[in-house]
Amino acid sequence: MLRQLARTLIVAALVFSIGLHWVVLQSAAWAGMIVTYSIQEGSLLTGMSQTFDAEHPCALCGAVWTGTQKEKNDPRQKKESHKKLLLALAVLERAILTPPAFVILCTELTQTPFEMDLRPPVPPPRRGAV
């Protein structure tokens, strides 16, 4: 469970550090605009043309444009995204690349985690057999 949480946090940090959240918001805005304009105009083709002609922006499109422009002009944003990326890589190294404690405790110094066989003995020991 901890590993899954770490992976989720890594993905979230990477998504925000590369600005993918703006792409998701813009896609949602376009989808909503296509539906709205198609219903208003009665034609899917007209709705799509109004969505992408840049003359009929919605409120979410304006918010996305403002947010992306603010990020581009903010010099601190580059430092913060760099810090987020380094933090994500550190968590990735610790949570995913480090073998679990039982692997470290079970192996001899000459064995790597990839060389050891963690399967139970075959056939399993019988109960009460001598």
C-alpha atoms as a PDB file:
ATOM      1  CA  MET A   1       0.000   0.000   0.000  1.00  0.00           C
ATOM      2  CA  LEU A   2       2.842   2.375   0.826  1.00  0.00           C
ATOM      3  CA  ARG A   3       4.461   1.583  -2.504  1.00  0.00           C
ATOM      4  CA  GLN A   4       1.223   2.391  -4.361  1.00  0.00           C
ATOM      5  CA  LEU A   5       0.911   5.694  -2.507  1.00  0.00           C
ATOM      6  CA  ALA A   6       4.525   6.547  -3.361  1.00  0.00           C
ATOM      7  CA  ARG A   7       3.927   5.789  -7.027  1.00  0.00           C
ATOM      8  CA  THR A   8       0.788   7.923  -7.049  1.00  0.00           C
ATOM      9  CA  LEU A   9       2.644  10.834  -5.460  1.00  0.00           C
ATOM     10  CA  ILE A  10       5.475  10.471  -7.970  1.00  0.00           C
ATOM     11  CA  VAL A  11       3.076  10.524 -10.896  1.00  0.00           C
ATOM     12  CA  ALA A  12       1.272  13.565  -9.464  1.00  0.00           C
ATOM     13  CA  ALA A  13       4.547  15.431  -8.933  1.00  0.00           C
ATOM     14  CA  LEU A  14       5.706  14.677 -12.451  1.00  0.00           C
ATOM     15  CA  VAL A  15       2.339  15.637 -13.953  1.00  0.00           C
ATOM     16  CA  PHE A  16       2.398  19.011 -12.230  1.00  0.00           C
ATOM     17  CA  SER A  17       6.089  19.612 -12.877  1.00  0.00           C
ATOM     18  CA  ILE A  18       5.685  19.256 -16.649  1.00  0.00           C
ATOM     19  CA  GLY A  19       2.400  21.189 -16.743  1.00  0.00           C
ATOM     20  CA  LEU A  20       0.195  18.303 -17.827  1.00  0.00           C
ATOM     21  CA  HIS A  21      -2.609  19.569 -15.568  1.00  0.00           C
ATOM     22  CA  TRP A  22      -3.125  22.477 -17.990  1.00  0.00           C
ATOM     23  CA  VAL A  23      -3.553  20.028 -20.870  1.00  0.00           C
ATOM     24  CA  VAL A  24      -6.193  18.098 -18.909  1.00  0.00           C
ATOM     25  CA  LEU A  25      -8.071  21.297 -18.032  1.00  0.00           C
ATOM     26  CA  GLN A  26      -7.930  22.587 -21.611  1.00  0.00           C
ATOM     27  CA  SER A  27      -9.188  19.258 -22.959  1.00  0.00           C
ATOM     28  CA  ALA A  28     -12.098  19.343 -20.505  1.00  0.00           C
ATOM     29  CA  ALA A  29     -12.891  22.894 -21.583  1.00  0.00           C
ATOM     30  CA  TRP A  30     -12.897  21.947 -25.259  1.00  0.00           C
ATOM     31  CA  ALA A  31     -15.115  18.923 -24.631  1.00  0.00           C
ATOM     32  CA  GLY A  32     -17.601  21.075 -22.742  1.00  0.00           C
ATOM     33  CA  MET A  33     -17.536  23.754 -25.420  1.00  0.00           C
ATOM     34  CA  ILE A  34     -18.144  21.241 -28.197  1.00  0.00           C
ATOM     35  CA  VAL A  35     -21.190  19.888 -26.366  1.00  0.00           C
ATOM     36  CA  THR A  36     -22.537  23.344 -25.465  1.00  0.00           C
ATOM     37  CA  TYR A  37     -22.034  24.930 -28.881  1.00  0.00           C
ATOM     38  CA  SER A  38     -23.350  21.864 -30.713  1.00  0.00           C
ATOM     39  CA  ILE A  39     -26.567  21.948 -28.678  1.00  0.00           C
ATOM     40  CA  GLN A  40     -26.943  25.727 -29.133  1.00  0.00           C
ATOM     41  CA  GLU A  41     -26.325  25.675 -32.875  1.00  0.00           C
ATOM     42  CA  GLY A  42     -27.940  22.315 -33.602  1.00  0.00           C
ATOM     43  CA  SER A  43     -24.930  21.030 -35.539  1.00  0.00           C
ATOM     44  CA  LEU A  44     -21.828  19.174 -34.400  1.00  0.00           C
ATOM     45  CA  LEU A  45     -19.744  20.693 -37.194  1.00  0.00           C
ATOM     46  CA  THR A  46     -20.740  24.231 -36.218  1.00  0.00           C
ATOM     47  CA  GLY A  47     -20.122  23.479 -32.564  1.00  0.00           C
ATOM     48  CA  MET A  48     -16.635  22.189 -33.290  1.00  0.00           C
ATOM     49  CA  SER A  49     -15.776  25.133 -35.523  1.00  0.00           C
ATOM     50  CA  GLN A  50     -16.888  27.602 -32.832  1.00  0.00           C
ATOM     51  CA  THR A  51     -14.896  25.714 -30.212  1.00  0.00           C
ATOM     52  CA  PHE A  52     -11.597  25.979 -32.060  1.00  0.00           C
ATOM     53  CA  ASP A  53     -11.961  29.356 -33.812  1.00  0.00           C
ATOM     54  CA  ALA A  54     -10.612  31.348 -30.786  1.00  0.00           C
ATOM     55  CA  GLU A  55     -13.488  33.820 -31.081  1.00  0.00           C
ATOM     56  CA  HIS A  56     -15.764  32.020 -28.598  1.00  0.00           C
ATOM     57  CA  PRO A  57     -13.615  31.171 -25.539  1.00  0.00           C
ATOM     58  CA  CYS A  58     -15.225  29.899 -22.358  1.00  0.00           C
ATOM     59  CA  ALA A  59     -14.343  30.861 -18.772  1.00  0.00           C
ATOM     60  CA  LEU A  60     -12.220  27.729 -18.277  1.00  0.00           C
ATOM     61  CA  CYS A  61     -10.216  28.495 -21.433  1.00  0.00           C
ATOM     62  CA  GLY A  62      -9.496  31.959 -20.051  1.00  0.00           C
ATOM     63  CA  ALA A  63      -8.406  30.515 -16.709  1.00  0.00           C
ATOM     64  CA  VAL A  64      -6.094  28.014 -18.427  1.00  0.00           C
ATOM     65  CA  TRP A  65      -4.581  30.735 -20.610  1.00  0.00           C
ATOM     66  CA  THR A  66      -4.050  33.021 -17.589  1.00  0.00           C
ATOM     67  CA  GLY A  67      -2.487  30.205 -15.563  1.00  0.00           C
ATOM     68  CA  THR A  68      -0.093  29.125 -18.289  1.00  0.00           C
ATOM     69  CA  GLN A  69       0.988  32.719 -18.944  1.00  0.00           C
ATOM     70  CA  LYS A  70       1.576  33.301 -15.238  1.00  0.00           C
ATOM     71  CA  GLU A  71       3.720  30.147 -15.047  1.00  0.00           C
ATOM     72  CA  LYS A  72       5.765  31.173 -18.064  1.00  0.00           C
ATOM     73  CA  ASN A  73       6.485  34.633 -16.626  1.00  0.00           C
ATOM     74  CA  ASP A  74       7.256  33.511 -13.056  1.00  0.00           C
ATOM     75  CA  PRO A  75      11.007  32.851 -12.590  1.00  0.00           C
ATOM     76  CA  ARG A  76      10.349  31.087  -9.255  1.00  0.00           C
ATOM     77  CA  GLN A  77       8.175  28.533 -11.054  1.00  0.00           C
ATOM     78  CA  LYS A  78      11.176  27.023 -12.818  1.00  0.00           C
ATOM     79  CA  LYS A  79      13.008  26.567  -9.522  1.00  0.00           C
ATOM     80  CA  GLU A  80       9.941  25.055  -7.863  1.00  0.00           C
ATOM     81  CA  SER A  81       9.281  22.629 -10.710  1.00  0.00           C
ATOM     82  CA  HIS A  82      12.941  21.605 -10.571  1.00  0.00           C
ATOM     83  CA  LYS A  83      12.598  20.976  -6.811  1.00  0.00           C
ATOM     84  CA  LYS A  84       9.414  18.940  -7.404  1.00  0.00           C
ATOM     85  CA  LEU A  85      11.184  16.828  -9.996  1.00  0.00           C
ATOM     86  CA  LEU A  86      14.147  16.173  -7.681  1.00  0.00           C
ATOM     87  CA  LEU A  87      11.783  15.245  -4.857  1.00  0.00           C
ATOM     88  CA  ALA A  88       9.884  12.868  -7.123  1.00  0.00           C
ATOM     89  CA  LEU A  89      13.108  11.207  -8.220  1.00  0.00           C
ATOM     90  CA  ALA A  90      14.250  10.827  -4.604  1.00  0.00           C
ATOM     91  CA  VAL A  91      10.949   9.207  -3.634  1.00  0.00           C
ATOM     92  CA  LEU A  92      11.149   6.993  -6.709  1.00  0.00           C
ATOM     93  CA  GLU A  93      14.613   5.817  -5.759  1.00  0.00           C
ATOM     94  CA  ARG A  94      13.614   5.118  -2.173  1.00  0.00           C
ATOM     95  CA  ALA A  95      10.219   3.524  -2.756  1.00  0.00           C
ATOM     96  CA  ILE A  96      10.660   1.594  -5.972  1.00  0.00           C
ATOM     97  CA  LEU A  97      14.332   0.934  -6.560  1.00  0.00           C
ATOM     98  CA  THR A  98      15.209  -0.089  -3.005  1.00  0.00           C
ATOM     99  CA  PRO A  99      14.350  -3.751  -2.426  1.00  0.00           C
ATOM    100  CA  PRO A 100      11.940  -4.550   0.404  1.00  0.00           C
ATOM    101  CA  ALA A 101      13.430  -5.316   3.818  1.00  0.00           C
ATOM    102  CA  PHE A 102      12.555  -9.031   3.692  1.00  0.00           C
ATOM    103  CA  VAL A 103      14.644  -9.438   0.542  1.00  0.00           C
ATOM    104  CA  ILE A 104      17.626  -7.816   2.225  1.00  0.00           C
ATOM    105  CA  LEU A 105      17.220  -9.901   5.392  1.00  0.00           C
ATOM    106  CA  CYS A 106      16.674 -13.209   3.545  1.00  0.00           C
ATOM    107  CA  THR A 107      19.609 -13.061   1.175  1.00  0.00           C
ATOM    108  CA  GLU A 108      23.184 -13.915   1.780  1.00  0.00           C
ATOM    109  CA  LEU A 109      25.779 -11.372   0.812  1.00  0.00           C
ATOM    110  CA  THR A 110      26.706 -13.424  -2.240  1.00  0.00           C
ATOM    111  CA  GLN A 111      23.159 -13.475  -3.641  1.00  0.00           C
ATOM    112  CA  THR A 112      21.380 -10.633  -5.372  1.00  0.00           C
ATOM    113  CA  PRO A 113      17.599 -10.284  -5.079  1.00  0.00           C
ATOM    114  CA  PHE A 114      17.289 -11.478  -8.674  1.00  0.00           C
ATOM    115  CA  GLU A 115      19.214 -14.699  -7.985  1.00  0.00           C
ATOM    116  CA  MET A 116      17.284 -15.878  -4.947  1.00  0.00           C
ATOM    117  CA  ASP A 117      14.374 -18.283  -5.125  1.00  0.00           C
ATOM    118  CA  LEU A 118      11.526 -17.254  -2.830  1.00  0.00           C
ATOM    119  CA  ARG A 119       9.215 -20.113  -3.795  1.00  0.00           C
ATOM    120  CA  PRO A 120       8.233 -22.608  -1.074  1.00  0.00           C
ATOM    121  CA  PRO A 121       9.842 -26.052  -1.173  1.00  0.00           C
ATOM    122  CA  VAL A 122       8.151 -28.480  -3.573  1.00  0.00           C
ATOM    123  CA  PRO A 123       6.422 -30.617  -2.466  1.00  0.00           C
ATOM    124  CA  PRO A 124       5.528 -28.860   0.775  1.00  0.00           C
ATOM    125  CA  PRO A 125       6.376 -30.779   3.942  1.00  0.00           C
ATOM    126  CA  ARG A 126       3.593 -33.060   5.135  1.00  0.00           C
ATOM    127  CA  ARG A 127       2.078 -32.639   8.494  1.00  0.00           C
ATOM    128  CA  GLY A 128       3.124 -35.338  10.951  1.00  0.00           C
ATOM    129  CA  ALA A 129       5.401 -37.117   8.450  1.00  0.00           C
ATOM    130  CA  VAL A 130       8.779 -38.259   9.676  1.00  0.00           C
END
